[in-house]
Amino acid sequence: MILEFKLGSLTHSKVRGFTLIELIVVMSIMAIVMSLVGPLTIQMINRAQAQSELIALKNNLQKISYLSFASATEYSFEFENNHFKLFKSDELFKQSSFDYLSLGEQKITFNSRGYPKPEILSVELPSKIEKINVFRLIEGVDAKVTD
């Protein structure tokens, strides 16, 4: 009878916890999963922020077109990689930069009627290059250029 009691308590104490090897295996599996998922998550965040900057750029282009029409004044954007300068009648009006977009060296001018020249603007996102038809953007139609 004493033997049964000891065997019962021995099996009961063995079931209580995890071994060190089990913990190491679980932690190594978690580390492998995190090393695979982490970079993808960061890449998705960068894409989302670049998309947000692209939307802000499109909104600014529409606003400047309206502003040039309303004030009958010529405005021009000068892009240099991720920096831009906005000129109002050849005077510096505003300058800023993008964190995730690059536009190369381009210039777009809005005449006193609010129309852009040239009409196409090329924008480099982290994963692709997108061309925007600024004239169609101002008109409120789909501005994405398809090849």
C-alpha atoms as a PDB file:
ATOM      1  CA  MET A   1       0.000   0.000   0.000  1.00  0.00           C
ATOM      2  CA  ILE A   2       2.873   2.369   0.712  1.00  0.00           C
ATOM      3  CA  LEU A   3       4.322   1.618  -2.725  1.00  0.00           C
ATOM      4  CA  GLU A   4       1.150   2.659  -4.519  1.00  0.00           C
ATOM      5  CA  PHE A   5       1.078   5.996  -2.685  1.00  0.00           C
ATOM      6  CA  LYS A   6       4.657   6.816  -3.669  1.00  0.00           C
ATOM      7  CA  LEU A   7       4.067   5.885  -7.289  1.00  0.00           C
ATOM      8  CA  GLY A   8       0.928   8.003  -7.334  1.00  0.00           C
ATOM      9  CA  SER A   9       2.703  11.054  -5.918  1.00  0.00           C
ATOM     10  CA  LEU A  10       5.666  10.502  -8.240  1.00  0.00           C
ATOM     11  CA  THR A  11       3.505  10.538 -11.362  1.00  0.00           C
ATOM     12  CA  HIS A  12       1.546  13.481 -10.008  1.00  0.00           C
ATOM     13  CA  SER A  13       4.679  15.623  -9.446  1.00  0.00           C
ATOM     14  CA  LYS A  14       6.031  14.768 -12.901  1.00  0.00           C
ATOM     15  CA  VAL A  15       2.983  16.178 -14.698  1.00  0.00           C
ATOM     16  CA  ARG A  16       3.152  19.564 -12.936  1.00  0.00           C
ATOM     17  CA  GLY A  17       5.566  21.540 -15.178  1.00  0.00           C
ATOM     18  CA  PHE A  18       7.488  21.765 -18.434  1.00  0.00           C
ATOM     19  CA  THR A  19      10.997  20.578 -18.996  1.00  0.00           C
ATOM     20  CA  LEU A  20      13.743  22.944 -20.007  1.00  0.00           C
ATOM     21  CA  ILE A  21      13.987  21.316 -23.435  1.00  0.00           C
ATOM     22  CA  GLU A  22      10.273  21.875 -24.100  1.00  0.00           C
ATOM     23  CA  LEU A  23      10.619  25.552 -23.227  1.00  0.00           C
ATOM     24  CA  ILE A  24      13.690  25.954 -25.443  1.00  0.00           C
ATOM     25  CA  VAL A  25      11.894  24.294 -28.390  1.00  0.00           C
ATOM     26  CA  VAL A  26       8.839  26.558 -28.022  1.00  0.00           C
ATOM     27  CA  MET A  27      10.978  29.692 -27.715  1.00  0.00           C
ATOM     28  CA  SER A  28      13.068  28.768 -30.774  1.00  0.00           C
ATOM     29  CA  ILE A  29       9.905  28.173 -32.831  1.00  0.00           C
ATOM     30  CA  MET A  30       8.595  31.581 -31.742  1.00  0.00           C
ATOM     31  CA  ALA A  31      11.899  33.227 -32.688  1.00  0.00           C
ATOM     32  CA  ILE A  32      11.838  31.649 -36.157  1.00  0.00           C
ATOM     33  CA  VAL A  33       8.258  32.786 -36.752  1.00  0.00           C
ATOM     34  CA  MET A  34       9.058  36.328 -35.602  1.00  0.00           C
ATOM     35  CA  SER A  35      12.127  36.494 -37.853  1.00  0.00           C
ATOM     36  CA  LEU A  36       9.949  35.556 -40.841  1.00  0.00           C
ATOM     37  CA  VAL A  37       6.975  37.803 -40.038  1.00  0.00           C
ATOM     38  CA  GLY A  38       8.855  40.894 -38.774  1.00  0.00           C
ATOM     39  CA  PRO A  39      10.399  42.076 -42.072  1.00  0.00           C
ATOM     40  CA  LEU A  40       7.132  41.503 -43.952  1.00  0.00           C
ATOM     41  CA  THR A  41       5.264  43.604 -41.412  1.00  0.00           C
ATOM     42  CA  ILE A  42       7.769  46.446 -41.675  1.00  0.00           C
ATOM     43  CA  GLN A  43       7.589  46.280 -45.480  1.00  0.00           C
ATOM     44  CA  MET A  44       3.782  46.499 -45.376  1.00  0.00           C
ATOM     45  CA  ILE A  45       3.965  49.520 -43.061  1.00  0.00           C
ATOM     46  CA  ASN A  46       6.381  51.267 -45.445  1.00  0.00           C
ATOM     47  CA  ARG A  47       4.064  50.590 -48.391  1.00  0.00           C
ATOM     48  CA  ALA A  48       1.082  51.968 -46.486  1.00  0.00           C
ATOM     49  CA  GLN A  49       2.975  55.132 -45.546  1.00  0.00           C
ATOM     50  CA  ALA A  50       4.141  55.598 -49.141  1.00  0.00           C
ATOM     51  CA  GLN A  51       0.553  55.205 -50.313  1.00  0.00           C
ATOM     52  CA  SER A  52      -0.499  57.817 -47.765  1.00  0.00           C
ATOM     53  CA  GLU A  53       2.124  60.245 -49.093  1.00  0.00           C
ATOM     54  CA  LEU A  54       0.947  59.577 -52.657  1.00  0.00           C
ATOM     55  CA  ILE A  55      -2.623  60.460 -51.689  1.00  0.00           C
ATOM     56  CA  ALA A  56      -1.392  63.643 -49.998  1.00  0.00           C
ATOM     57  CA  LEU A  57       0.577  64.551 -53.166  1.00  0.00           C
ATOM     58  CA  LYS A  58      -2.522  64.063 -55.331  1.00  0.00           C
ATOM     59  CA  ASN A  59      -4.595  66.206 -52.963  1.00  0.00           C
ATOM     60  CA  ASN A  60      -1.944  68.953 -53.042  1.00  0.00           C
ATOM     61  CA  LEU A  61      -1.871  68.898 -56.840  1.00  0.00           C
ATOM     62  CA  GLN A  62      -5.650  69.336 -56.920  1.00  0.00           C
ATOM     63  CA  LYS A  63      -5.509  72.175 -54.379  1.00  0.00           C
ATOM     64  CA  ILE A  64      -2.766  74.024 -56.250  1.00  0.00           C
ATOM     65  CA  SER A  65      -4.681  73.664 -59.512  1.00  0.00           C
ATOM     66  CA  TYR A  66      -7.760  75.180 -57.895  1.00  0.00           C
ATOM     67  CA  LEU A  67      -5.673  77.888 -56.217  1.00  0.00           C
ATOM     68  CA  SER A  68      -4.019  78.845 -59.501  1.00  0.00           C
ATOM     69  CA  PHE A  69      -7.443  79.015 -61.195  1.00  0.00           C
ATOM     70  CA  ALA A  70      -9.053  80.999 -58.363  1.00  0.00           C
ATOM     71  CA  SER A  71      -6.220  83.525 -58.119  1.00  0.00           C
ATOM     72  CA  ALA A  72      -5.404  83.557 -61.864  1.00  0.00           C
ATOM     73  CA  THR A  73      -1.755  83.016 -60.923  1.00  0.00           C
ATOM     74  CA  GLU A  74       0.790  80.561 -62.286  1.00  0.00           C
ATOM     75  CA  TYR A  75       2.147  77.973 -59.832  1.00  0.00           C
ATOM     76  CA  SER A  76       4.862  75.421 -60.456  1.00  0.00           C
ATOM     77  CA  PHE A  77       6.179  72.388 -58.607  1.00  0.00           C
ATOM     78  CA  GLU A  78       9.848  71.501 -58.954  1.00  0.00           C
ATOM     79  CA  PHE A  79      10.681  67.988 -57.792  1.00  0.00           C
ATOM     80  CA  GLU A  80      14.183  66.761 -57.036  1.00  0.00           C
ATOM     81  CA  ASN A  81      14.151  63.164 -55.798  1.00  0.00           C
ATOM     82  CA  ASN A  82      12.174  63.336 -52.546  1.00  0.00           C
ATOM     83  CA  HIS A  83      12.252  67.156 -52.154  1.00  0.00           C
ATOM     84  CA  PHE A  84       9.884  69.607 -53.757  1.00  0.00           C
ATOM     85  CA  LYS A  85       9.548  73.353 -54.084  1.00  0.00           C
ATOM     86  CA  LEU A  86       6.356  75.180 -54.920  1.00  0.00           C
ATOM     87  CA  PHE A  87       6.691  78.502 -56.710  1.00  0.00           C
ATOM     88  CA  LYS A  88       4.013  81.181 -57.066  1.00  0.00           C
ATOM     89  CA  SER A  89       4.827  83.401 -60.039  1.00  0.00           C
ATOM     90  CA  ASP A  90       8.536  82.492 -59.806  1.00  0.00           C
ATOM     91  CA  GLU A  91       8.716  83.215 -56.037  1.00  0.00           C
ATOM     92  CA  LEU A  92       9.297  80.378 -53.595  1.00  0.00           C
ATOM     93  CA  PHE A  93       5.956  79.704 -51.935  1.00  0.00           C
ATOM     94  CA  LYS A  94       6.575  76.439 -50.048  1.00  0.00           C
ATOM     95  CA  GLN A  95       9.122  73.629 -49.859  1.00  0.00           C
ATOM     96  CA  SER A  96       9.059  70.242 -48.213  1.00  0.00           C
ATOM     97  CA  SER A  97      10.117  66.630 -48.709  1.00  0.00           C
ATOM     98  CA  PHE A  98       8.710  63.128 -48.793  1.00  0.00           C
ATOM     99  CA  ASP A  99       9.903  60.252 -46.645  1.00  0.00           C
ATOM    100  CA  TYR A 100       8.821  57.368 -48.884  1.00  0.00           C
ATOM    101  CA  LEU A 101       8.238  58.834 -52.369  1.00  0.00           C
ATOM    102  CA  SER A 102      10.777  59.820 -54.973  1.00  0.00           C
ATOM    103  CA  LEU A 103       9.896  61.850 -58.051  1.00  0.00           C
ATOM    104  CA  GLY A 104      13.285  62.253 -59.717  1.00  0.00           C
ATOM    105  CA  GLU A 105      13.861  65.603 -61.401  1.00  0.00           C
ATOM    106  CA  GLN A 106      10.545  66.843 -62.755  1.00  0.00           C
ATOM    107  CA  LYS A 107       8.695  70.115 -63.048  1.00  0.00           C
ATOM    108  CA  ILE A 108       4.988  70.680 -63.427  1.00  0.00           C
ATOM    109  CA  THR A 109       3.447  74.089 -64.018  1.00  0.00           C
ATOM    110  CA  PHE A 110      -0.176  75.109 -63.467  1.00  0.00           C
ATOM    111  CA  ASN A 111      -1.210  78.005 -65.688  1.00  0.00           C
ATOM    112  CA  SER A 112      -3.587  80.770 -64.594  1.00  0.00           C
ATOM    113  CA  ARG A 113      -6.532  78.577 -65.617  1.00  0.00           C
ATOM    114  CA  GLY A 114      -5.380  75.721 -63.374  1.00  0.00           C
ATOM    115  CA  TYR A 115      -4.250  73.352 -66.114  1.00  0.00           C
ATOM    116  CA  PRO A 116      -0.980  71.421 -65.722  1.00  0.00           C
ATOM    117  CA  LYS A 117       1.897  71.131 -68.124  1.00  0.00           C
ATOM    118  CA  PRO A 118       3.168  68.437 -68.589  1.00  0.00           C
ATOM    119  CA  GLU A 119       0.174  66.272 -67.818  1.00  0.00           C
ATOM    120  CA  ILE A 120       2.033  63.134 -66.699  1.00  0.00           C
ATOM    121  CA  LEU A 121       3.900  62.892 -63.397  1.00  0.00           C
ATOM    122  CA  SER A 122       6.047  59.842 -62.598  1.00  0.00           C
ATOM    123  CA  VAL A 123       6.209  58.803 -58.930  1.00  0.00           C
ATOM    124  CA  GLU A 124       8.504  56.107 -57.543  1.00  0.00           C
ATOM    125  CA  LEU A 125       7.032  54.143 -54.646  1.00  0.00           C
ATOM    126  CA  PRO A 126       9.068  51.568 -52.669  1.00  0.00           C
ATOM    127  CA  SER A 127       7.703  48.662 -54.698  1.00  0.00           C
ATOM    128  CA  LYS A 128       6.763  50.192 -58.073  1.00  0.00           C
ATOM    129  CA  ILE A 129       6.720  53.252 -60.314  1.00  0.00           C
ATOM    130  CA  GLU A 130       3.347  54.896 -60.830  1.00  0.00           C
ATOM    131  CA  LYS A 131       2.450  57.465 -63.460  1.00  0.00           C
ATOM    132  CA  ILE A 132      -0.233  60.025 -62.682  1.00  0.00           C
ATOM    133  CA  ASN A 133      -2.185  61.918 -65.311  1.00  0.00           C
ATOM    134  CA  VAL A 134      -2.479  65.240 -63.454  1.00  0.00           C
ATOM    135  CA  PHE A 135      -4.993  66.668 -65.934  1.00  0.00           C
ATOM    136  CA  ARG A 136      -7.369  63.749 -65.351  1.00  0.00           C
ATOM    137  CA  LEU A 137      -6.744  64.017 -61.589  1.00  0.00           C
ATOM    138  CA  ILE A 138      -7.899  67.639 -61.644  1.00  0.00           C
ATOM    139  CA  GLU A 139     -10.935  66.726 -63.722  1.00  0.00           C
ATOM    140  CA  GLY A 140     -11.892  64.141 -61.075  1.00  0.00           C
ATOM    141  CA  VAL A 141     -11.441  61.078 -63.257  1.00  0.00           C
ATOM    142  CA  ASP A 142      -9.176  58.069 -62.693  1.00  0.00           C
ATOM    143  CA  ALA A 143      -5.687  59.585 -62.842  1.00  0.00           C
ATOM    144  CA  LYS A 144      -3.692  56.359 -63.049  1.00  0.00           C
ATOM    145  CA  VAL A 145      -1.908  55.915 -66.375  1.00  0.00           C
ATOM    146  CA  THR A 146      -2.088  52.392 -67.764  1.00  0.00           C
ATOM    147  CA  ASP A 147       0.486  51.272 -70.313  1.00  0.00           C
END
